[in-house]
Structures are given as structure tokens and as C-alpha cells.
Amino acid sequence: INENNSIDHYSHVVCGTCAASLNKLDAAFRTFQQTQNNLRLKFRKTTHIIHYQLEKQIQKSMKENQQEQLVETKQQIQEEKNPIPKRHQ
């Protein structure tokens, strides 16, 4: 048994081979947990960025749509003010 191993939680309870396997499994699980936490953090950040970008795009599209509607309304008003003269035959 490696007595210098600071993360050895099992050698005082089970045989050396089993303790080594349990320590490896424990280390792998801690690595998995850390990786999972990192991925969750990155997912939250990515989700936040995507929502921010989508909100910006929605706002931009709404402004563009409002501008187009305003231009169309102005054109309609202008057309109503200036009817096209009828051609005489």
C-alpha cells in the first residue's frame, strides 16, 4: 500500500489491490464531476450568449419591420394625396 498517497481513502479498509482500484475509480469520478461542472458552466454561458444574440436580432428585426411599415404608410398617404391623373382619349 502506498502510504504517501494523500488521496488513498481505502487501503486501511480493504486489500491493496482493491484499494488501488477504488482510488483510481474515485479519482476518475472526481475528474468526471469536474468535467461535468465545467460543461454545465460552458452550457450556461453559451445559452446566455445565444439568448442575448437572439434578443438583439429580434429587436433589430422588429425595428426594421417598423421602419418598413412606416415607409409603406407614408407612401400610401402620399399616393392618396396625389392621385394619378386619368388619361383622356
PDB file of N, CA and C in Angstrom:
ATOM      1  N   ILE A   1       0.845  -1.185   0.000  1.00  0.00           N
ATOM      2  CA  ILE A   1       0.000   0.000   0.000  1.00  0.00           C
ATOM      3  C   ILE A   1       0.884   1.239   0.000  1.00  0.00           C
ATOM      4  N   ASN A   2       0.457   2.223  -0.769  1.00  0.00           N
ATOM      5  CA  ASN A   2       1.210   3.475  -0.846  1.00  0.00           C
ATOM      6  C   ASN A   2       0.744   4.390   0.281  1.00  0.00           C
ATOM      7  N   GLU A   3       1.546   4.511   1.312  1.00  0.00           N
ATOM      8  CA  GLU A   3       1.169   5.340   2.457  1.00  0.00           C
ATOM      9  C   GLU A   3       1.354   6.821   2.167  1.00  0.00           C
ATOM     10  N   ASN A   4       2.108   7.145   1.114  1.00  0.00           N
ATOM     11  CA  ASN A   4       2.352   8.539   0.761  1.00  0.00           C
ATOM     12  C   ASN A   4       1.230   9.130  -0.088  1.00  0.00           C
ATOM     13  N   ASN A   5       0.316   8.285  -0.514  1.00  0.00           N
ATOM     14  CA  ASN A   5      -0.772   8.744  -1.372  1.00  0.00           C
ATOM     15  C   ASN A   5      -1.789   9.503  -0.525  1.00  0.00           C
ATOM     16  N   SER A   6      -1.893  10.807  -0.755  1.00  0.00           N
ATOM     17  CA  SER A   6      -2.773  11.642   0.065  1.00  0.00           C
ATOM     18  C   SER A   6      -4.248  11.443  -0.260  1.00  0.00           C
ATOM     19  N   ILE A   7      -4.541  10.826  -1.402  1.00  0.00           N
ATOM     20  CA  ILE A   7      -5.950  10.609  -1.751  1.00  0.00           C
ATOM     21  C   ILE A   7      -6.354   9.151  -1.553  1.00  0.00           C
ATOM     22  N   ASP A   8      -5.552   8.384  -0.824  1.00  0.00           N
ATOM     23  CA  ASP A   8      -5.857   6.981  -0.556  1.00  0.00           C
ATOM     24  C   ASP A   8      -6.840   6.914   0.606  1.00  0.00           C
ATOM     25  N   HIS A   9      -8.085   6.630   0.281  1.00  0.00           N
ATOM     26  CA  HIS A   9      -9.137   6.575   1.296  1.00  0.00           C
ATOM     27  C   HIS A   9      -9.497   5.139   1.672  1.00  0.00           C
ATOM     28  N   TYR A  10      -8.888   4.145   1.010  1.00  0.00           N
ATOM     29  CA  TYR A  10      -9.397   2.787   1.126  1.00  0.00           C
ATOM     30  C   TYR A  10      -8.402   1.767   1.669  1.00  0.00           C
ATOM     31  N   SER A  11      -7.097   2.022   1.614  1.00  0.00           N
ATOM     32  CA  SER A  11      -6.122   0.984   1.942  1.00  0.00           C
ATOM     33  C   SER A  11      -6.205   0.531   3.392  1.00  0.00           C
ATOM     34  N   HIS A  12      -6.718   1.352   4.260  1.00  0.00           N
ATOM     35  CA  HIS A  12      -6.842   0.939   5.658  1.00  0.00           C
ATOM     36  C   HIS A  12      -8.072   0.054   5.883  1.00  0.00           C
ATOM     37  N   VAL A  13      -8.925  -0.106   4.844  1.00  0.00           N
ATOM     38  CA  VAL A  13     -10.153  -0.887   4.990  1.00  0.00           C
ATOM     39  C   VAL A  13     -10.111  -2.168   4.169  1.00  0.00           C
ATOM     40  N   VAL A  14      -9.565  -2.092   2.937  1.00  0.00           N
ATOM     41  CA  VAL A  14      -9.574  -3.253   2.040  1.00  0.00           C
ATOM     42  C   VAL A  14      -8.154  -3.567   1.591  1.00  0.00           C
ATOM     43  N   CYS A  15      -8.013  -4.664   0.850  1.00  0.00           N
ATOM     44  CA  CYS A  15      -6.687  -5.085   0.391  1.00  0.00           C
ATOM     45  C   CYS A  15      -6.079  -4.052  -0.550  1.00  0.00           C
ATOM     46  N   GLY A  16      -4.782  -4.122  -0.724  1.00  0.00           N
ATOM     47  CA  GLY A  16      -4.049  -3.141  -1.518  1.00  0.00           C
ATOM     48  C   GLY A  16      -4.521  -3.037  -2.949  1.00  0.00           C
ATOM     49  N   THR A  17      -4.775  -4.181  -3.608  1.00  0.00           N
ATOM     50  CA  THR A  17      -5.217  -4.161  -4.999  1.00  0.00           C
ATOM     51  C   THR A  17      -6.591  -3.512  -5.112  1.00  0.00           C
ATOM     52  N   CYS A  18      -7.481  -3.887  -4.215  1.00  0.00           N
ATOM     53  CA  CYS A  18      -8.825  -3.285  -4.231  1.00  0.00           C
ATOM     54  C   CYS A  18      -8.746  -1.797  -3.909  1.00  0.00           C
ATOM     55  N   ALA A  19      -7.900  -1.433  -2.962  1.00  0.00           N
ATOM     56  CA  ALA A  19      -7.756  -0.026  -2.590  1.00  0.00           C
ATOM     57  C   ALA A  19      -7.245   0.788  -3.771  1.00  0.00           C
ATOM     58  N   ALA A  20      -6.267   0.235  -4.505  1.00  0.00           N
ATOM     59  CA  ALA A  20      -5.730   0.940  -5.668  1.00  0.00           C
ATOM     60  C   ALA A  20      -6.823   1.137  -6.715  1.00  0.00           C
ATOM     61  N   SER A  21      -7.616   0.091  -6.942  1.00  0.00           N
ATOM     62  CA  SER A  21      -8.711   0.198  -7.914  1.00  0.00           C
ATOM     63  C   SER A  21      -9.748   1.215  -7.459  1.00  0.00           C
ATOM     64  N   LEU A  22     -10.080   1.186  -6.190  1.00  0.00           N
ATOM     65  CA  LEU A  22     -11.059   2.141  -5.664  1.00  0.00           C
ATOM     66  C   LEU A  22     -10.529   3.568  -5.744  1.00  0.00           C
ATOM     67  N   ASN A  23      -9.251   3.741  -5.471  1.00  0.00           N
ATOM     68  CA  ASN A  23      -8.659   5.080  -5.565  1.00  0.00           C
ATOM     69  C   ASN A  23      -8.688   5.592  -7.004  1.00  0.00           C
ATOM     70  N   LYS A  24      -8.385   4.693  -7.970  1.00  0.00           N
ATOM     71  CA  LYS A  24      -8.447   5.093  -9.381  1.00  0.00           C
ATOM     72  C   LYS A  24      -9.882   5.458  -9.771  1.00  0.00           C
ATOM     73  N   LEU A  25     -10.821   4.629  -9.322  1.00  0.00           N
ATOM     74  CA  LEU A  25     -12.226   4.895  -9.616  1.00  0.00           C
ATOM     75  C   LEU A  25     -12.664   6.218  -8.992  1.00  0.00           C
ATOM     76  N   ASP A  26     -12.231   6.456  -7.764  1.00  0.00           N
ATOM     77  CA  ASP A  26     -12.572   7.698  -7.073  1.00  0.00           C
ATOM     78  C   ASP A  26     -11.992   8.907  -7.813  1.00  0.00           C
ATOM     79  N   ALA A  27     -10.742   8.801  -8.250  1.00  0.00           N
ATOM     80  CA  ALA A  27     -10.106   9.897  -8.992  1.00  0.00           C
ATOM     81  C   ALA A  27     -10.819  10.120 -10.327  1.00  0.00           C
ATOM     82  N   ALA A  28     -11.174   9.033 -11.002  1.00  0.00           N
ATOM     83  CA  ALA A  28     -11.882   9.154 -12.281  1.00  0.00           C
ATOM     84  C   ALA A  28     -13.243   9.815 -12.076  1.00  0.00           C
ATOM     85  N   PHE A  29     -13.926   9.452 -10.988  1.00  0.00           N
ATOM     86  CA  PHE A  29     -15.234  10.050 -10.715  1.00  0.00           C
ATOM     87  C   PHE A  29     -15.105  11.535 -10.410  1.00  0.00           C
ATOM     88  N   ARG A  30     -14.083  11.921  -9.635  1.00  0.00           N
ATOM     89  CA  ARG A  30     -13.876  13.345  -9.349  1.00  0.00           C
ATOM     90  C   ARG A  30     -13.569  14.108 -10.634  1.00  0.00           C
ATOM     91  N   THR A  31     -12.776  13.502 -11.516  1.00  0.00           N
ATOM     92  CA  THR A  31     -12.480  14.125 -12.810  1.00  0.00           C
ATOM     93  C   THR A  31     -13.762  14.278 -13.623  1.00  0.00           C
ATOM     94  N   PHE A  32     -14.588  13.229 -13.616  1.00  0.00           N
ATOM     95  CA  PHE A  32     -15.874  13.283 -14.314  1.00  0.00           C
ATOM     96  C   PHE A  32     -16.744  14.403 -13.755  1.00  0.00           C
ATOM     97  N   GLN A  33     -16.825  14.502 -12.432  1.00  0.00           N
ATOM     98  CA  GLN A  33     -17.643  15.554 -11.819  1.00  0.00           C
ATOM     99  C   GLN A  33     -17.140  16.939 -12.205  1.00  0.00           C
ATOM    100  N   GLN A  34     -15.819  17.120 -12.195  1.00  0.00           N
ATOM    101  CA  GLN A  34     -15.258  18.421 -12.559  1.00  0.00           C
ATOM    102  C   GLN A  34     -15.551  18.742 -14.022  1.00  0.00           C
ATOM    103  N   THR A  35     -15.395  17.738 -14.882  1.00  0.00           N
ATOM    104  CA  THR A  35     -15.692  17.928 -16.306  1.00  0.00           C
ATOM    105  C   THR A  35     -17.169  18.266 -16.496  1.00  0.00           C
ATOM    106  N   GLN A  36     -18.031  17.563 -15.778  1.00  0.00           N
ATOM    107  CA  GLN A  36     -19.471  17.823 -15.867  1.00  0.00           C
ATOM    108  C   GLN A  36     -19.785  19.247 -15.411  1.00  0.00           C
ATOM    109  N   ASN A  37     -19.170  19.684 -14.324  1.00  0.00           N
ATOM    110  CA  ASN A  37     -19.387  21.054 -13.847  1.00  0.00           C
ATOM    111  C   ASN A  37     -18.898  22.074 -14.867  1.00  0.00           C
ATOM    112  N   ASN A  38     -17.734  21.815 -15.459  1.00  0.00           N
ATOM    113  CA  ASN A  38     -17.206  22.727 -16.482  1.00  0.00           C
ATOM    114  C   ASN A  38     -18.135  22.803 -17.690  1.00  0.00           C
ATOM    115  N   LEU A  39     -18.642  21.650 -18.118  1.00  0.00           N
ATOM    116  CA  LEU A  39     -19.555  21.630 -19.264  1.00  0.00           C
ATOM    117  C   LEU A  39     -20.856  22.355 -18.950  1.00  0.00           C
ATOM    118  N   ARG A  40     -21.364  22.175 -17.736  1.00  0.00           N
ATOM    119  CA  ARG A  40     -22.587  22.894 -17.347  1.00  0.00           C
ATOM    120  C   ARG A  40     -22.356  24.399 -17.364  1.00  0.00           C
ATOM    121  N   LEU A  41     -21.208  24.821 -16.844  1.00  0.00           N
ATOM    122  CA  LEU A  41     -20.885  26.247 -16.832  1.00  0.00           C
ATOM    123  C   LEU A  41     -20.795  26.786 -18.260  1.00  0.00           C
ATOM    124  N   LYS A  42     -20.096  26.054 -19.130  1.00  0.00           N
ATOM    125  CA  LYS A  42     -19.974  26.484 -20.524  1.00  0.00           C
ATOM    126  C   LYS A  42     -21.339  26.502 -21.208  1.00  0.00           C
ATOM    127  N   PHE A  43     -22.178  25.508 -20.904  1.00  0.00           N
ATOM    128  CA  PHE A  43     -23.518  25.464 -21.491  1.00  0.00           C
ATOM    129  C   PHE A  43     -24.325  26.681 -21.058  1.00  0.00           C
ATOM    130  N   ARG A  44     -24.258  27.019 -19.760  1.00  0.00           N
ATOM    131  CA  ARG A  44     -24.997  28.194 -19.269  1.00  0.00           C
ATOM    132  C   ARG A  44     -24.496  29.462 -19.941  1.00  0.00           C
ATOM    133  N   LYS A  45     -23.173  29.595 -20.066  1.00  0.00           N
ATOM    134  CA  LYS A  45     -22.616  30.783 -20.727  1.00  0.00           C
ATOM    135  C   LYS A  45     -23.059  30.842 -22.184  1.00  0.00           C
ATOM    136  N   THR A  46     -22.965  29.702 -22.865  1.00  0.00           N
ATOM    137  CA  THR A  46     -23.357  29.651 -24.274  1.00  0.00           C
ATOM    138  C   THR A  46     -24.839  29.972 -24.430  1.00  0.00           C
ATOM    139  N   THR A  47     -25.663  29.412 -23.560  1.00  0.00           N
ATOM    140  CA  THR A  47     -27.102  29.682 -23.600  1.00  0.00           C
ATOM    141  C   THR A  47     -27.373  31.163 -23.386  1.00  0.00           C
ATOM    142  N   HIS A  48     -26.663  31.761 -22.438  1.00  0.00           N
ATOM    143  CA  HIS A  48     -26.834  33.192 -22.169  1.00  0.00           C
ATOM    144  C   HIS A  48     -26.461  34.019 -23.403  1.00  0.00           C
ATOM    145  N   ILE A  49     -25.336  33.674 -24.023  1.00  0.00           N
ATOM    146  CA  ILE A  49     -24.886  34.397 -25.221  1.00  0.00           C
ATOM    147  C   ILE A  49     -25.904  34.244 -26.347  1.00  0.00           C
ATOM    148  N   ILE A  50     -26.387  33.024 -26.548  1.00  0.00           N
ATOM    149  CA  ILE A  50     -27.362  32.777 -27.620  1.00  0.00           C
ATOM    150  C   ILE A  50     -28.639  33.571 -27.371  1.00  0.00           C
ATOM    151  N   HIS A  51     -29.134  33.553 -26.135  1.00  0.00           N
ATOM    152  CA  HIS A  51     -30.352  34.315 -25.834  1.00  0.00           C
ATOM    153  C   HIS A  51     -30.131  35.804 -26.050  1.00  0.00           C
ATOM    154  N   TYR A  52     -28.960  36.294 -25.663  1.00  0.00           N
ATOM    155  CA  TYR A  52     -28.641  37.711 -25.866  1.00  0.00           C
ATOM    156  C   TYR A  52     -28.635  38.048 -27.355  1.00  0.00           C
ATOM    157  N   GLN A  53     -27.958  37.198 -28.156  1.00  0.00           N
ATOM    158  CA  GLN A  53     -27.877  37.448 -29.597  1.00  0.00           C
ATOM    159  C   GLN A  53     -29.254  37.342 -30.256  1.00  0.00           C
ATOM    160  N   LEU A  54     -30.045  36.365 -29.840  1.00  0.00           N
ATOM    161  CA  LEU A  54     -31.397  36.238 -30.396  1.00  0.00           C
ATOM    162  C   LEU A  54     -32.245  37.453 -30.051  1.00  0.00           C
ATOM    163  N   GLU A  55     -32.152  37.916 -28.818  1.00  0.00           N
ATOM    164  CA  GLU A  55     -32.920  39.092 -28.410  1.00  0.00           C
ATOM    165  C   GLU A  55     -32.510  40.311 -29.229  1.00  0.00           C
ATOM    166  N   LYS A  56     -31.193  40.469 -29.444  1.00  0.00           N
ATOM    167  CA  LYS A  56     -30.716  41.580 -30.278  1.00  0.00           C
ATOM    168  C   LYS A  56     -31.264  41.469 -31.694  1.00  0.00           C
ATOM    169  N   GLN A  57     -31.226  40.265 -32.256  1.00  0.00           N
ATOM    170  CA  GLN A  57     -31.707  40.056 -33.624  1.00  0.00           C
ATOM    171  C   GLN A  57     -33.206  40.312 -33.713  1.00  0.00           C
ATOM    172  N   ILE A  58     -33.946  39.874 -32.704  1.00  0.00           N
ATOM    173  CA  ILE A  58     -35.397  40.116 -32.690  1.00  0.00           C
ATOM    174  C   ILE A  58     -35.672  41.608 -32.645  1.00  0.00           C
ATOM    175  N   GLN A  59     -34.967  42.319 -31.769  1.00  0.00           N
ATOM    176  CA  GLN A  59     -35.160  43.771 -31.663  1.00  0.00           C
ATOM    177  C   GLN A  59     -34.822  44.462 -32.985  1.00  0.00           C
ATOM    178  N   LYS A  60     -33.718  44.032 -33.603  1.00  0.00           N
ATOM    179  CA  LYS A  60     -33.308  44.616 -34.886  1.00  0.00           C
ATOM    180  C   LYS A  60     -34.371  44.354 -35.952  1.00  0.00           C
ATOM    181  N   SER A  61     -34.859  43.125 -36.006  1.00  0.00           N
ATOM    182  CA  SER A  61     -35.885  42.774 -36.993  1.00  0.00           C
ATOM    183  C   SER A  61     -37.167  43.562 -36.761  1.00  0.00           C
ATOM    184  N   MET A  62     -37.530  43.728 -35.495  1.00  0.00           N
ATOM    185  CA  MET A  62     -38.740  44.496 -35.183  1.00  0.00           C
ATOM    186  C   MET A  62     -38.578  45.949 -35.620  1.00  0.00           C
ATOM    187  N   LYS A  63     -37.406  46.534 -35.372  1.00  0.00           N
ATOM    188  CA  LYS A  63     -37.169  47.920 -35.791  1.00  0.00           C
ATOM    189  C   LYS A  63     -37.212  48.043 -37.307  1.00  0.00           C
ATOM    190  N   GLU A  64     -36.573  47.080 -37.997  1.00  0.00           N
ATOM    191  CA  GLU A  64     -36.587  47.103 -39.463  1.00  0.00           C
ATOM    192  C   GLU A  64     -38.014  46.964 -39.983  1.00  0.00           C
ATOM    193  N   ASN A  65     -38.777  46.083 -39.373  1.00  0.00           N
ATOM    194  CA  ASN A  65     -40.165  45.878 -39.787  1.00  0.00           C
ATOM    195  C   ASN A  65     -40.985  47.140 -39.544  1.00  0.00           C
ATOM    196  N   GLN A  66     -40.768  47.780 -38.406  1.00  0.00           N
ATOM    197  CA  GLN A  66     -41.481  49.027 -38.116  1.00  0.00           C
ATOM    198  C   GLN A  66     -41.107  50.107 -39.123  1.00  0.00           C
ATOM    199  N   GLN A  67     -39.831  50.176 -39.484  1.00  0.00           N
ATOM    200  CA  GLN A  67     -39.392  51.163 -40.474  1.00  0.00           C
ATOM    201  C   GLN A  67     -40.053  50.901 -41.825  1.00  0.00           C
ATOM    202  N   GLU A  68     -40.086  49.633 -42.224  1.00  0.00           N
ATOM    203  CA  GLU A  68     -40.724  49.285 -43.496  1.00  0.00           C
ATOM    204  C   GLU A  68     -42.203  49.657 -43.475  1.00  0.00           C
ATOM    205  N   GLN A  69     -42.871  49.369 -42.373  1.00  0.00           N
ATOM    206  CA  GLN A  69     -44.292  49.709 -42.267  1.00  0.00           C
ATOM    207  C   GLN A  69     -44.493  51.218 -42.309  1.00  0.00           C
ATOM    208  N   LEU A  70     -43.601  51.953 -41.662  1.00  0.00           N
ATOM    209  CA  LEU A  70     -43.693  53.410 -41.671  1.00  0.00           C
ATOM    210  C   LEU A  70     -43.531  53.953 -43.091  1.00  0.00           C
ATOM    211  N   VAL A  71     -42.542  53.430 -43.814  1.00  0.00           N
ATOM    212  CA  VAL A  71     -42.314  53.867 -45.195  1.00  0.00           C
ATOM    213  C   VAL A  71     -43.531  53.538 -46.057  1.00  0.00           C
ATOM    214  N   GLU A  72     -44.067  52.335 -45.909  1.00  0.00           N
ATOM    215  CA  GLU A  72     -45.248  51.943 -46.691  1.00  0.00           C
ATOM    216  C   GLU A  72     -46.438  52.836 -46.369  1.00  0.00           C
ATOM    217  N   THR A  73     -46.625  53.136 -45.095  1.00  0.00           N
ATOM    218  CA  THR A  73     -47.732  54.010 -44.689  1.00  0.00           C
ATOM    219  C   THR A  73     -47.565  55.400 -45.283  1.00  0.00           C
ATOM    220  N   LYS A  74     -46.348  55.928 -45.235  1.00  0.00           N
ATOM    221  CA  LYS A  74     -46.082  57.250 -45.818  1.00  0.00           C
ATOM    222  C   LYS A  74     -46.341  57.234 -47.319  1.00  0.00           C
ATOM    223  N   GLN A  75     -45.948  56.158 -47.982  1.00  0.00           N
ATOM    224  CA  GLN A  75     -46.181  56.048 -49.424  1.00  0.00           C
ATOM    225  C   GLN A  75     -47.675  56.005 -49.729  1.00  0.00           C
ATOM    226  N   GLN A  76     -48.412  55.269 -48.936  1.00  0.00           N
ATOM    227  CA  GLN A  76     -49.861  55.191 -49.148  1.00  0.00           C
ATOM    228  C   GLN A  76     -50.509  56.556 -48.955  1.00  0.00           C
ATOM    229  N   ILE A  77     -50.092  57.256 -47.911  1.00  0.00           N
ATOM    230  CA  ILE A  77     -50.639  58.594 -47.659  1.00  0.00           C
ATOM    231  C   ILE A  77     -50.306  59.521 -48.821  1.00  0.00           C
ATOM    232  N   GLN A  78     -49.078  59.446 -49.299  1.00  0.00           N
ATOM    233  CA  GLN A  78     -48.656  60.298 -50.412  1.00  0.00           C
ATOM    234  C   GLN A  78     -49.437  59.958 -51.676  1.00  0.00           C
ATOM    235  N   GLU A  79     -49.642  58.678 -51.923  1.00  0.00           N
ATOM    236  CA  GLU A  79     -50.403  58.261 -53.103  1.00  0.00           C
ATOM    237  C   GLU A  79     -51.851  58.741 -53.018  1.00  0.00           C
ATOM    238  N   GLU A  80     -52.400  58.726 -51.811  1.00  0.00           N
ATOM    239  CA  GLU A  80     -53.776  59.198 -51.645  1.00  0.00           C
ATOM    240  C   GLU A  80     -53.867  60.708 -51.852  1.00  0.00           C
ATOM    241  N   LYS A  81     -52.831  61.416 -51.491  1.00  0.00           N
ATOM    242  CA  LYS A  81     -52.814  62.869 -51.685  1.00  0.00           C
ATOM    243  C   LYS A  81     -52.635  63.233 -53.150  1.00  0.00           C
ATOM    244  N   ASN A  82     -51.874  62.447 -53.860  1.00  0.00           N
ATOM    245  CA  ASN A  82     -51.558  62.730 -55.262  1.00  0.00           C
ATOM    246  C   ASN A  82     -52.111  61.616 -56.146  1.00  0.00           C
ATOM    247  N   PRO A  83     -53.388  61.661 -56.440  1.00  0.00           N
ATOM    248  CA  PRO A  83     -53.937  60.607 -57.304  1.00  0.00           C
ATOM    249  C   PRO A  83     -53.363  60.729 -58.713  1.00  0.00           C
ATOM    250  N   ILE A  84     -53.254  59.628 -59.338  1.00  0.00           N
ATOM    251  CA  ILE A  84     -52.734  59.604 -60.708  1.00  0.00           C
ATOM    252  C   ILE A  84     -53.812  60.177 -61.631  1.00  0.00           C
ATOM    253  N   PRO A  85     -53.472  61.184 -62.424  1.00  0.00           N
ATOM    254  CA  PRO A  85     -54.486  61.765 -63.322  1.00  0.00           C
ATOM    255  C   PRO A  85     -54.892  60.749 -64.382  1.00  0.00           C
ATOM    256  N   LYS A  86     -56.190  60.790 -64.713  1.00  0.00           N
ATOM    257  CA  LYS A  86     -56.694  59.879 -65.741  1.00  0.00           C
ATOM    258  C   LYS A  86     -56.306  60.413 -67.107  1.00  0.00           C
ATOM    259  N   ARG A  87     -55.979  59.516 -67.985  1.00  0.00           N
ATOM    260  CA  ARG A  87     -55.612  59.911 -69.352  1.00  0.00           C
ATOM    261  C   ARG A  87     -56.874  60.053 -70.178  1.00  0.00           C
ATOM    262  N   HIS A  88     -56.953  61.135 -70.902  1.00  0.00           N
ATOM    263  CA  HIS A  88     -58.111  61.358 -71.766  1.00  0.00           C
ATOM    264  C   HIS A  88     -57.819  60.770 -73.135  1.00  0.00           C
ATOM    265  N   GLN A  89     -58.817  60.195 -73.730  1.00  0.00           N
ATOM    266  CA  GLN A  89     -58.634  59.612 -75.060  1.00  0.00           C
ATOM    267  C   GLN A  89     -59.312  60.423 -76.102  1.00  0.00           C
TER     268      GLN A  89
END
